[in-house]
Each structure stands twice: as C-alpha cells, then as structure tokens.
Amino acid sequence: MNAQHKLLAFSCAGLLLIAATGCLKDKAYDDHMANVVIDKNSKVVEVMGPIIGSYGQVLNFSNGDTTFKMITVNLASEQPAPEDIQVTLVVDPAVITEFNNRTDGSLAPLPAANYAFQTLQITIPKGSREAELNGTIRNPAFLETGKFALGLRIASTSPNYPISGNYGKQVVELRVKNKYHGLYQATGKFIHPTAGTRDIDEEKELVTVEPNSVQANLGDLGGSGYQMILTINADNTVSIAKFGATPNIDYQGPNTYDPATQTFTLNYSYNGAGGPRIIREQIKKK
C-alpha cells in the first residue's frame, strides 16, 4: 500500500483537492503489530489506499459541478478476476465517525445536496483487478465552510467474494486549496550538533491543510517522514507545528511570510540525540 501523504486542493479558479484516508478495523493493523499470512489462492475485494496517510490527484475544473475518481476497488489476488465482479458501495457516515475517534479528527459528513454518484455499483472486469468509483461534487465552494468528507464502504459483491475487514472502507476528505498551496524552492542550512552544517537546496510542495496553513517537508528530511505545518497569521508571522515523524518543534523565530515575493523565511529547531537540529531556510514559490 502506498503510504505517501499527498493532498489535493481546489480553488474557484480551478483545482480540486481530495485526500483519501484508509480506515482500519483493528488497532493491531493501525500500530503495524499484526502478523499476516496470505493464502496465494485467496481472493479478497478491498478499497485501495494506505494503512495510515492520504493520497490523491489534482483535477482541473471550471466553476461548477466536478466529477472525478474518488476511490479504486481492487481484487487482492495472485491472479486477475476470473469473471466480472460487481461491487456495491454505500455512503456511510459511521466510517467518518470511526476515523475521527481513532485520530481525534473533526471531519463532518458532506451534506447529500453537495455530492452525487451516477452509480454506486462498479464492476471489476474479468481479466482485471481494479474498478474505479467516480463521484460528483456539487457547489465546490461549499467546502470552504468547514471540514468535510465522504465515508465509503463496500457493502457487497456479486458473485460473493470476501470483503476485506481492514480495507473495506475509506474516508475521502475534501479540502479547499488556499493561496499558499504550490511548488516552492527551499534554500538554507541544516545545522546538526555533531555532523556539522549542510546546505538545503530542494523543491518542496506545500499542500493545503486549512485556509491559512500548509503542510511541508521539514528541512531536507521529507524522505524520512519529517514534516511540519506552517500557519500564516494575520500579521504574516508564521507558526510552525510538528507533523509526521517530526518529534518536536522547540525553537521558533523569526518566522515570516512575505506576500509580495511569496517567500517563507523560517528559523526553527527540533531536539534529538546530541542536541538540537537547527534549520534556517527560505521557501520561495516557483
């Protein structure tokens, strides 16, 4: 499963952000503690997605209703489907409740007036393993009024195939792209207490979290899962919060955003063995 955390967004000018997050049934899977034995002859229907994290894709649209791929259903099997398999899904708000309880989240079910499905029955064709479920978001600007998601669950299959207990449901989170979302070039220094100083010079994608906040790789440690949330305050100062594998954010300041040049100037650190790691970087939009 792909564990990359990648969010998408939309603005009234033309992009939609969806982030789909897998929901697990038991804590052992959630904590990566389960021992799993897979029978090569088994055939299980599941929703494709990560155990923990999010994924998605950016889609263009003109102001108005937007139809796009929400999730992919997969036949987990060594061999492709030996026959057509009809999969019936349902919209289930309980999936969102379960996710919120597990993550201390605050997602609300998207009102029925703001989405539509031409069908919730999709077919994995004979000789294939996958089928896509498309959905339509109505009045996408409504998403700016809160934090909304759709909970989707596999209800049945025909012919009757086992449905995955851990991958049989998914939360599709919908967010509004803010003006800070985009590709940036980061330059600066990473100062390690024992290994010395190294240069930072890399492209970063800053991704919408809230109307005034974005998620970004911390320093040059994105490949290690170290990330941060940058919140742009009314006076263009920037607050930094830990995210992902980042253990803490201890020192902040001065941290600012220049709207004229679309540049973040950041000074922060986190503690580790041997002392603090200090990062000083500028992140400028491309």
C-alpha atoms as a PDB file:
ATOM      1  CA  MET A   1       0.000   0.000   0.000  1.00  0.00           C
ATOM      2  CA  ASN A   2       1.204   3.462  -0.759  1.00  0.00           C
ATOM      3  CA  ALA A   3       1.838   5.377   2.464  1.00  0.00           C
ATOM      4  CA  GLN A   4       2.652   8.715   0.840  1.00  0.00           C
ATOM      5  CA  HIS A   5       0.799  11.622   2.383  1.00  0.00           C
ATOM      6  CA  LYS A   6      -0.259  13.746  -0.559  1.00  0.00           C
ATOM      7  CA  LEU A   7      -3.196  16.131  -0.503  1.00  0.00           C
ATOM      8  CA  LEU A   8      -5.024  17.800  -3.351  1.00  0.00           C
ATOM      9  CA  ALA A   9      -6.962  21.042  -3.471  1.00  0.00           C
ATOM     10  CA  PHE A  10      -9.297  23.227  -5.438  1.00  0.00           C
ATOM     11  CA  SER A  11      -9.860  26.911  -5.841  1.00  0.00           C
ATOM     12  CA  CYS A  12     -12.655  28.664  -7.669  1.00  0.00           C
ATOM     13  CA  ALA A  13     -10.075  29.233 -10.389  1.00  0.00           C
ATOM     14  CA  GLY A  14      -9.739  25.569 -10.998  1.00  0.00           C
ATOM     15  CA  LEU A  15      -8.343  22.782  -8.802  1.00  0.00           C
ATOM     16  CA  LEU A  16      -9.940  20.184  -6.558  1.00  0.00           C
ATOM     17  CA  LEU A  17      -8.172  18.595  -3.604  1.00  0.00           C
ATOM     18  CA  ILE A  18      -9.212  15.188  -2.381  1.00  0.00           C
ATOM     19  CA  ALA A  19      -7.400  13.152   0.203  1.00  0.00           C
ATOM     20  CA  ALA A  20      -8.492   9.591   0.788  1.00  0.00           C
ATOM     21  CA  THR A  21      -7.552   8.021   4.097  1.00  0.00           C
ATOM     22  CA  GLY A  22      -7.873   4.307   4.835  1.00  0.00           C
ATOM     23  CA  CYS A  23      -9.805   3.244   7.946  1.00  0.00           C
ATOM     24  CA  LEU A  24      -8.654   0.197   9.876  1.00  0.00           C
ATOM     25  CA  LYS A  25     -10.871  -2.092  11.845  1.00  0.00           C
ATOM     26  CA  ASP A  26      -8.378  -3.185  14.488  1.00  0.00           C
ATOM     27  CA  LYS A  27      -5.636  -1.397  16.417  1.00  0.00           C
ATOM     28  CA  ALA A  28      -3.023  -4.059  15.679  1.00  0.00           C
ATOM     29  CA  TYR A  29      -3.035  -3.103  11.995  1.00  0.00           C
ATOM     30  CA  ASP A  30      -3.047   0.583  12.920  1.00  0.00           C
ATOM     31  CA  ASP A  31       0.094   0.091  15.028  1.00  0.00           C
ATOM     32  CA  HIS A  32       1.768  -2.184  12.456  1.00  0.00           C
ATOM     33  CA  MET A  33       1.724  -5.029  15.008  1.00  0.00           C
ATOM     34  CA  ALA A  34      -0.268  -7.684  13.186  1.00  0.00           C
ATOM     35  CA  ASN A  35       1.224 -10.843  11.735  1.00  0.00           C
ATOM     36  CA  VAL A  36      -0.438 -11.519   8.398  1.00  0.00           C
ATOM     37  CA  VAL A  37      -0.431 -14.802   6.497  1.00  0.00           C
ATOM     38  CA  ILE A  38      -1.668 -14.534   2.925  1.00  0.00           C
ATOM     39  CA  ASP A  39      -3.015 -17.519   1.041  1.00  0.00           C
ATOM     40  CA  LYS A  40      -1.945 -17.175  -2.595  1.00  0.00           C
ATOM     41  CA  ASN A  41      -5.275 -18.721  -3.592  1.00  0.00           C
ATOM     42  CA  SER A  42      -7.361 -16.166  -1.669  1.00  0.00           C
ATOM     43  CA  LYS A  43      -9.423 -13.530  -3.465  1.00  0.00           C
ATOM     44  CA  VAL A  44     -10.456 -10.543  -1.339  1.00  0.00           C
ATOM     45  CA  VAL A  45     -12.154  -7.337  -2.508  1.00  0.00           C
ATOM     46  CA  GLU A  46     -10.751  -4.157  -0.957  1.00  0.00           C
ATOM     47  CA  VAL A  47     -10.526  -0.392  -1.329  1.00  0.00           C
ATOM     48  CA  MET A  48      -7.035   0.558  -2.456  1.00  0.00           C
ATOM     49  CA  GLY A  49      -5.212   3.028  -0.230  1.00  0.00           C
ATOM     50  CA  PRO A  50      -2.659   3.367   2.557  1.00  0.00           C
ATOM     51  CA  ILE A  51      -2.863   1.916   6.047  1.00  0.00           C
ATOM     52  CA  ILE A  52      -2.049   5.318   7.509  1.00  0.00           C
ATOM     53  CA  GLY A  53      -1.861   8.516   5.449  1.00  0.00           C
ATOM     54  CA  SER A  54      -3.517  10.046   2.437  1.00  0.00           C
ATOM     55  CA  TYR A  55      -3.256  10.099  -1.311  1.00  0.00           C
ATOM     56  CA  GLY A  56      -4.991  11.800  -4.203  1.00  0.00           C
ATOM     57  CA  GLN A  57      -4.715  13.670  -7.502  1.00  0.00           C
ATOM     58  CA  VAL A  58      -5.194  17.217  -8.764  1.00  0.00           C
ATOM     59  CA  LEU A  59      -8.043  17.732 -11.195  1.00  0.00           C
ATOM     60  CA  ASN A  60      -8.953  20.763 -13.277  1.00  0.00           C
ATOM     61  CA  PHE A  61     -12.481  22.063 -13.335  1.00  0.00           C
ATOM     62  CA  SER A  62     -14.438  25.103 -14.394  1.00  0.00           C
ATOM     63  CA  ASN A  63     -16.573  26.722 -11.711  1.00  0.00           C
ATOM     64  CA  GLY A  64     -19.420  24.322 -11.102  1.00  0.00           C
ATOM     65  CA  ASP A  65     -20.086  20.628 -10.502  1.00  0.00           C
ATOM     66  CA  THR A  66     -16.990  18.458 -10.785  1.00  0.00           C
ATOM     67  CA  THR A  67     -16.825  14.717 -11.456  1.00  0.00           C
ATOM     68  CA  PHE A  68     -13.660  12.783 -10.610  1.00  0.00           C
ATOM     69  CA  LYS A  69     -12.329   9.408  -9.470  1.00  0.00           C
ATOM     70  CA  MET A  70     -12.916   9.044  -5.734  1.00  0.00           C
ATOM     71  CA  ILE A  71     -11.578   5.580  -4.963  1.00  0.00           C
ATOM     72  CA  THR A  72     -10.303   2.424  -6.627  1.00  0.00           C
ATOM     73  CA  VAL A  73     -11.621  -1.007  -5.652  1.00  0.00           C
ATOM     74  CA  ASN A  74      -9.178  -3.863  -6.005  1.00  0.00           C
ATOM     75  CA  LEU A  75      -9.301  -7.652  -6.129  1.00  0.00           C
ATOM     76  CA  ALA A  76      -6.419  -8.710  -3.873  1.00  0.00           C
ATOM     77  CA  SER A  77      -5.436 -11.906  -5.606  1.00  0.00           C
ATOM     78  CA  GLU A  78      -2.440 -13.513  -7.250  1.00  0.00           C
ATOM     79  CA  GLN A  79      -4.488 -13.849 -10.446  1.00  0.00           C
ATOM     80  CA  PRO A  80      -6.846 -11.332 -12.137  1.00  0.00           C
ATOM     81  CA  ALA A  81     -10.583 -11.694 -11.760  1.00  0.00           C
ATOM     82  CA  PRO A  82     -11.791 -14.939 -13.350  1.00  0.00           C
ATOM     83  CA  GLU A  83     -15.182 -13.348 -14.013  1.00  0.00           C
ATOM     84  CA  ASP A  84     -16.915  -9.975 -13.848  1.00  0.00           C
ATOM     85  CA  ILE A  85     -17.292  -8.956 -10.193  1.00  0.00           C
ATOM     86  CA  GLN A  86     -19.941  -6.373  -9.364  1.00  0.00           C
ATOM     87  CA  VAL A  87     -19.063  -4.353  -6.268  1.00  0.00           C
ATOM     88  CA  THR A  88     -21.716  -2.328  -4.441  1.00  0.00           C
ATOM     89  CA  LEU A  89     -20.574   0.546  -2.228  1.00  0.00           C
ATOM     90  CA  VAL A  90     -22.535   2.697   0.204  1.00  0.00           C
ATOM     91  CA  VAL A  91     -22.023   6.138   1.692  1.00  0.00           C
ATOM     92  CA  ASP A  92     -21.685   5.504   5.423  1.00  0.00           C
ATOM     93  CA  PRO A  93     -21.174   8.406   7.892  1.00  0.00           C
ATOM     94  CA  ALA A  94     -20.156   5.849  10.547  1.00  0.00           C
ATOM     95  CA  VAL A  95     -16.889   5.395   8.650  1.00  0.00           C
ATOM     96  CA  ILE A  96     -16.110   9.072   9.322  1.00  0.00           C
ATOM     97  CA  THR A  97     -17.100   8.731  12.980  1.00  0.00           C
ATOM     98  CA  GLU A  98     -14.751   5.772  13.362  1.00  0.00           C
ATOM     99  CA  PHE A  99     -11.945   7.692  11.698  1.00  0.00           C
ATOM    100  CA  ASN A 100     -12.497  10.766  13.892  1.00  0.00           C
ATOM    101  CA  ASN A 101     -12.485   8.618  17.030  1.00  0.00           C
ATOM    102  CA  ARG A 102      -9.267   6.909  16.007  1.00  0.00           C
ATOM    103  CA  THR A 103      -7.424  10.086  15.017  1.00  0.00           C
ATOM    104  CA  ASP A 104      -9.086  12.737  17.209  1.00  0.00           C
ATOM    105  CA  GLY A 105     -10.256  14.270  13.937  1.00  0.00           C
ATOM    106  CA  SER A 106     -13.146  16.634  13.335  1.00  0.00           C
ATOM    107  CA  LEU A 107     -14.371  15.774   9.856  1.00  0.00           C
ATOM    108  CA  ALA A 108     -18.090  16.197   9.120  1.00  0.00           C
ATOM    109  CA  PRO A 109     -20.056  14.168   6.552  1.00  0.00           C
ATOM    110  CA  LEU A 110     -20.549  16.160   3.348  1.00  0.00           C
ATOM    111  CA  PRO A 111     -24.277  17.031   3.032  1.00  0.00           C
ATOM    112  CA  ALA A 112     -26.112  14.922   0.469  1.00  0.00           C
ATOM    113  CA  ALA A 113     -27.008  18.030  -1.538  1.00  0.00           C
ATOM    114  CA  ASN A 114     -23.315  18.564  -2.269  1.00  0.00           C
ATOM    115  CA  TYR A 115     -22.425  15.235  -3.866  1.00  0.00           C
ATOM    116  CA  ALA A 116     -23.835  12.696  -6.279  1.00  0.00           C
ATOM    117  CA  PHE A 117     -22.959   9.306  -7.747  1.00  0.00           C
ATOM    118  CA  GLN A 118     -24.265   8.132 -11.088  1.00  0.00           C
ATOM    119  CA  THR A 119     -23.964   4.657  -9.606  1.00  0.00           C
ATOM    120  CA  LEU A 120     -22.507   3.040  -6.500  1.00  0.00           C
ATOM    121  CA  GLN A 121     -22.229  -0.280  -8.345  1.00  0.00           C
ATOM    122  CA  ILE A 122     -18.979  -0.756 -10.213  1.00  0.00           C
ATOM    123  CA  THR A 123     -17.547  -3.805 -11.966  1.00  0.00           C
ATOM    124  CA  ILE A 124     -14.108  -5.351 -11.794  1.00  0.00           C
ATOM    125  CA  PRO A 125     -13.944  -6.823 -15.312  1.00  0.00           C
ATOM    126  CA  LYS A 126     -12.871 -10.378 -15.995  1.00  0.00           C
ATOM    127  CA  GLY A 127      -9.105 -10.390 -16.514  1.00  0.00           C
ATOM    128  CA  SER A 128      -8.593  -7.239 -14.422  1.00  0.00           C
ATOM    129  CA  ARG A 129      -8.121  -6.461 -10.744  1.00  0.00           C
ATOM    130  CA  GLU A 130      -9.468  -2.908 -10.427  1.00  0.00           C
ATOM    131  CA  ALA A 131     -12.554  -0.749 -10.850  1.00  0.00           C
ATOM    132  CA  GLU A 132     -12.939   2.982 -10.223  1.00  0.00           C
ATOM    133  CA  LEU A 133     -15.764   4.799  -8.468  1.00  0.00           C
ATOM    134  CA  ASN A 134     -16.487   8.268  -9.830  1.00  0.00           C
ATOM    135  CA  GLY A 135     -18.378  10.909  -7.914  1.00  0.00           C
ATOM    136  CA  THR A 136     -19.543  14.485  -8.414  1.00  0.00           C
ATOM    137  CA  ILE A 137     -19.091  17.388  -6.011  1.00  0.00           C
ATOM    138  CA  ARG A 138     -21.817  19.996  -6.334  1.00  0.00           C
ATOM    139  CA  ASN A 139     -21.109  23.620  -5.465  1.00  0.00           C
ATOM    140  CA  PRO A 140     -17.435  23.001  -4.564  1.00  0.00           C
ATOM    141  CA  ALA A 141     -17.178  26.443  -2.930  1.00  0.00           C
ATOM    142  CA  PHE A 142     -19.305  24.997  -0.095  1.00  0.00           C
ATOM    143  CA  LEU A 143     -16.191  23.161   1.115  1.00  0.00           C
ATOM    144  CA  GLU A 144     -14.809  26.473   2.338  1.00  0.00           C
ATOM    145  CA  THR A 145     -17.416  26.478   5.117  1.00  0.00           C
ATOM    146  CA  GLY A 146     -15.998  23.525   7.075  1.00  0.00           C
ATOM    147  CA  LYS A 147     -14.011  20.265   7.120  1.00  0.00           C
ATOM    148  CA  PHE A 148     -15.965  17.699   5.097  1.00  0.00           C
ATOM    149  CA  ALA A 149     -15.514  14.127   3.961  1.00  0.00           C
ATOM    150  CA  LEU A 150     -17.360  11.168   2.487  1.00  0.00           C
ATOM    151  CA  GLY A 151     -17.264   7.781   4.202  1.00  0.00           C
ATOM    152  CA  LEU A 152     -17.447   4.923   1.692  1.00  0.00           C
ATOM    153  CA  ARG A 153     -17.808   1.226   2.450  1.00  0.00           C
ATOM    154  CA  ILE A 154     -18.007  -1.929   0.328  1.00  0.00           C
ATOM    155  CA  ALA A 155     -21.433  -3.391   1.093  1.00  0.00           C
ATOM    156  CA  SER A 156     -21.490  -6.485  -1.115  1.00  0.00           C
ATOM    157  CA  THR A 157     -20.114  -8.218  -4.180  1.00  0.00           C
ATOM    158  CA  SER A 158     -21.705 -10.381  -6.860  1.00  0.00           C
ATOM    159  CA  PRO A 159     -20.665 -13.154  -7.176  1.00  0.00           C
ATOM    160  CA  ASN A 160     -19.985 -13.327  -3.439  1.00  0.00           C
ATOM    161  CA  TYR A 161     -16.307 -12.612  -2.666  1.00  0.00           C
ATOM    162  CA  PRO A 162     -14.845 -11.916   0.796  1.00  0.00           C
ATOM    163  CA  ILE A 163     -14.645  -8.203   1.661  1.00  0.00           C
ATOM    164  CA  SER A 164     -11.511  -7.038   3.459  1.00  0.00           C
ATOM    165  CA  GLY A 165     -12.113  -6.233   7.119  1.00  0.00           C
ATOM    166  CA  ASN A 166      -9.258  -3.726   7.199  1.00  0.00           C
ATOM    167  CA  TYR A 167      -9.504  -2.252   3.713  1.00  0.00           C
ATOM    168  CA  GLY A 168     -13.209  -2.454   3.064  1.00  0.00           C
ATOM    169  CA  LYS A 169     -13.901   1.232   3.780  1.00  0.00           C
ATOM    170  CA  GLN A 170     -12.341   4.619   3.287  1.00  0.00           C
ATOM    171  CA  VAL A 171     -12.654   8.274   4.198  1.00  0.00           C
ATOM    172  CA  VAL A 172     -12.463  10.665   1.238  1.00  0.00           C
ATOM    173  CA  GLU A 173     -11.557  14.050   2.659  1.00  0.00           C
ATOM    174  CA  LEU A 174     -12.314  17.204   0.659  1.00  0.00           C
ATOM    175  CA  ARG A 175     -10.387  20.414   1.148  1.00  0.00           C
ATOM    176  CA  VAL A 176     -10.162  23.874  -0.344  1.00  0.00           C
ATOM    177  CA  LYS A 177      -6.880  24.871  -1.928  1.00  0.00           C
ATOM    178  CA  ASN A 178      -5.501  28.000  -0.306  1.00  0.00           C
ATOM    179  CA  LYS A 179      -3.262  30.647  -1.893  1.00  0.00           C
ATOM    180  CA  TYR A 180      -0.102  29.219  -0.312  1.00  0.00           C
ATOM    181  CA  HIS A 181      -0.523  25.799  -1.942  1.00  0.00           C
ATOM    182  CA  GLY A 182       2.049  25.057  -4.673  1.00  0.00           C
ATOM    183  CA  LEU A 183       5.643  24.278  -5.631  1.00  0.00           C
ATOM    184  CA  TYR A 184       8.463  26.139  -3.919  1.00  0.00           C
ATOM    185  CA  GLN A 185      12.253  26.191  -3.926  1.00  0.00           C
ATOM    186  CA  ALA A 186      13.840  25.826  -0.498  1.00  0.00           C
ATOM    187  CA  THR A 187      17.363  27.060   0.241  1.00  0.00           C
ATOM    188  CA  GLY A 188      19.200  27.375   3.532  1.00  0.00           C
ATOM    189  CA  LYS A 189      21.184  25.499   6.171  1.00  0.00           C
ATOM    190  CA  PHE A 190      20.624  22.435   8.315  1.00  0.00           C
ATOM    191  CA  ILE A 191      22.874  22.660  11.389  1.00  0.00           C
ATOM    192  CA  HIS A 192      23.479  19.317  13.108  1.00  0.00           C
ATOM    193  CA  PRO A 193      25.030  19.269  16.617  1.00  0.00           C
ATOM    194  CA  THR A 194      27.632  16.611  15.736  1.00  0.00           C
ATOM    195  CA  ALA A 195      27.619  16.143  11.946  1.00  0.00           C
ATOM    196  CA  GLY A 196      28.026  19.853  11.174  1.00  0.00           C
ATOM    197  CA  THR A 197      26.211  22.042   8.669  1.00  0.00           C
ATOM    198  CA  ARG A 198      24.799  21.055   5.298  1.00  0.00           C
ATOM    199  CA  ASP A 199      23.065  23.055   2.590  1.00  0.00           C
ATOM    200  CA  ILE A 200      19.349  22.832   1.857  1.00  0.00           C
ATOM    201  CA  ASP A 201      18.519  23.242  -1.829  1.00  0.00           C
ATOM    202  CA  GLU A 202      15.429  21.368  -2.953  1.00  0.00           C
ATOM    203  CA  GLU A 203      11.994  21.705  -4.442  1.00  0.00           C
ATOM    204  CA  LYS A 204       9.118  21.414  -1.985  1.00  0.00           C
ATOM    205  CA  GLU A 205       5.395  21.082  -2.446  1.00  0.00           C
ATOM    206  CA  LEU A 206       3.383  22.997   0.137  1.00  0.00           C
ATOM    207  CA  VAL A 207      -0.033  21.415   0.495  1.00  0.00           C
ATOM    208  CA  THR A 208      -3.275  22.823   1.867  1.00  0.00           C
ATOM    209  CA  VAL A 209      -4.256  21.880   5.410  1.00  0.00           C
ATOM    210  CA  GLU A 210      -6.529  24.757   6.423  1.00  0.00           C
ATOM    211  CA  PRO A 211      -7.350  28.127   4.789  1.00  0.00           C
ATOM    212  CA  ASN A 212      -4.185  29.675   6.275  1.00  0.00           C
ATOM    213  CA  SER A 213      -1.937  26.651   6.737  1.00  0.00           C
ATOM    214  CA  VAL A 214       0.083  24.249   4.618  1.00  0.00           C
ATOM    215  CA  GLN A 215       1.993  21.032   5.143  1.00  0.00           C
ATOM    216  CA  ALA A 216       5.663  20.902   4.105  1.00  0.00           C
ATOM    217  CA  ASN A 217       8.767  18.763   4.443  1.00  0.00           C
ATOM    218  CA  LEU A 218      10.900  19.773   7.417  1.00  0.00           C
ATOM    219  CA  GLY A 219      14.311  20.933   6.210  1.00  0.00           C
ATOM    220  CA  ASP A 220      15.660  18.252   3.894  1.00  0.00           C
ATOM    221  CA  LEU A 221      14.173  15.372   5.880  1.00  0.00           C
ATOM    222  CA  GLY A 222      10.969  14.829   3.916  1.00  0.00           C
ATOM    223  CA  GLY A 223      12.234  11.437   2.776  1.00  0.00           C
ATOM    224  CA  SER A 224      12.381  10.375   6.425  1.00  0.00           C
ATOM    225  CA  GLY A 225       8.788  11.454   7.046  1.00  0.00           C
ATOM    226  CA  TYR A 226       9.739  14.628   8.948  1.00  0.00           C
ATOM    227  CA  GLN A 227       7.135  17.257   8.143  1.00  0.00           C
ATOM    228  CA  MET A 228       5.672  20.445   9.576  1.00  0.00           C
ATOM    229  CA  ILE A 229       2.530  22.551   9.422  1.00  0.00           C
ATOM    230  CA  LEU A 230       3.069  26.228   8.585  1.00  0.00           C
ATOM    231  CA  THR A 231       0.288  28.566   9.685  1.00  0.00           C
ATOM    232  CA  ILE A 232       0.344  32.102   8.278  1.00  0.00           C
ATOM    233  CA  ASN A 233      -1.005  34.554  10.839  1.00  0.00           C
ATOM    234  CA  ALA A 234      -2.807  37.837  10.149  1.00  0.00           C
ATOM    235  CA  ASP A 235       0.435  39.844  10.593  1.00  0.00           C
ATOM    236  CA  ASN A 236       2.310  37.476   8.218  1.00  0.00           C
ATOM    237  CA  THR A 237       4.244  35.832  11.020  1.00  0.00           C
ATOM    238  CA  VAL A 238       4.366  32.056  10.688  1.00  0.00           C
ATOM    239  CA  SER A 239       3.722  29.453  13.379  1.00  0.00           C
ATOM    240  CA  ILE A 240       5.289  26.021  12.949  1.00  0.00           C
ATOM    241  CA  ALA A 241       3.848  22.778  14.318  1.00  0.00           C
ATOM    242  CA  LYS A 242       5.303  19.289  14.128  1.00  0.00           C
ATOM    243  CA  PHE A 243       3.773  16.723  11.783  1.00  0.00           C
ATOM    244  CA  GLY A 244       4.551  13.212  10.605  1.00  0.00           C
ATOM    245  CA  ALA A 245       7.692  11.720  12.154  1.00  0.00           C
ATOM    246  CA  THR A 246       8.914  15.080  13.497  1.00  0.00           C
ATOM    247  CA  PRO A 247       9.415  14.581  17.262  1.00  0.00           C
ATOM    248  CA  ASN A 248       9.012  18.216  18.306  1.00  0.00           C
ATOM    249  CA  ILE A 249       9.462  21.852  17.281  1.00  0.00           C
ATOM    250  CA  ASP A 250      11.347  23.653  20.036  1.00  0.00           C
ATOM    251  CA  TYR A 251      12.619  26.976  18.752  1.00  0.00           C
ATOM    252  CA  GLN A 252      10.685  29.320  16.508  1.00  0.00           C
ATOM    253  CA  GLY A 253      11.653  32.727  15.251  1.00  0.00           C
ATOM    254  CA  PRO A 254      11.742  34.874  13.490  1.00  0.00           C
ATOM    255  CA  ASN A 255       9.375  33.100  11.075  1.00  0.00           C
ATOM    256  CA  THR A 256       7.648  35.233   8.458  1.00  0.00           C
ATOM    257  CA  TYR A 257       5.834  35.147   5.128  1.00  0.00           C
ATOM    258  CA  ASP A 258       6.331  37.866   2.501  1.00  0.00           C
ATOM    259  CA  PRO A 259       3.202  38.019   0.302  1.00  0.00           C
ATOM    260  CA  ALA A 260       4.950  40.269  -2.252  1.00  0.00           C
ATOM    261  CA  THR A 261       7.602  37.636  -3.058  1.00  0.00           C
ATOM    262  CA  GLN A 262       5.601  34.609  -1.837  1.00  0.00           C
ATOM    263  CA  THR A 263       8.529  33.612   0.363  1.00  0.00           C
ATOM    264  CA  PHE A 264       8.680  31.950   3.767  1.00  0.00           C
ATOM    265  CA  THR A 265      11.676  32.833   5.948  1.00  0.00           C
ATOM    266  CA  LEU A 266      11.922  30.202   8.680  1.00  0.00           C
ATOM    267  CA  ASN A 267      14.171  29.613  11.698  1.00  0.00           C
ATOM    268  CA  TYR A 268      13.316  26.630  13.881  1.00  0.00           C
ATOM    269  CA  SER A 269      14.758  23.517  15.517  1.00  0.00           C
ATOM    270  CA  TYR A 270      13.889  20.136  16.929  1.00  0.00           C
ATOM    271  CA  ASN A 271      15.702  18.097  19.585  1.00  0.00           C
ATOM    272  CA  GLY A 272      17.393  14.784  19.039  1.00  0.00           C
ATOM    273  CA  ALA A 273      20.301  12.754  20.385  1.00  0.00           C
ATOM    274  CA  GLY A 274      23.279  15.024  20.934  1.00  0.00           C
ATOM    275  CA  GLY A 275      21.361  18.277  20.888  1.00  0.00           C
ATOM    276  CA  PRO A 276      19.071  20.438  18.760  1.00  0.00           C
ATOM    277  CA  ARG A 277      18.974  20.345  14.960  1.00  0.00           C
ATOM    278  CA  ILE A 278      18.666  23.937  13.768  1.00  0.00           C
ATOM    279  CA  ILE A 279      17.096  24.761  10.404  1.00  0.00           C
ATOM    280  CA  ARG A 280      17.284  28.131   8.698  1.00  0.00           C
ATOM    281  CA  GLU A 281      15.599  28.213   5.316  1.00  0.00           C
ATOM    282  CA  GLN A 282      13.808  30.328   2.786  1.00  0.00           C
ATOM    283  CA  ILE A 283      10.999  28.715   0.819  1.00  0.00           C
ATOM    284  CA  LYS A 284      10.084  30.726  -2.290  1.00  0.00           C
ATOM    285  CA  LYS A 285       7.199  29.941  -4.622  1.00  0.00           C
ATOM    286  CA  LYS A 286       8.202  28.993  -8.171  1.00  0.00           C
END
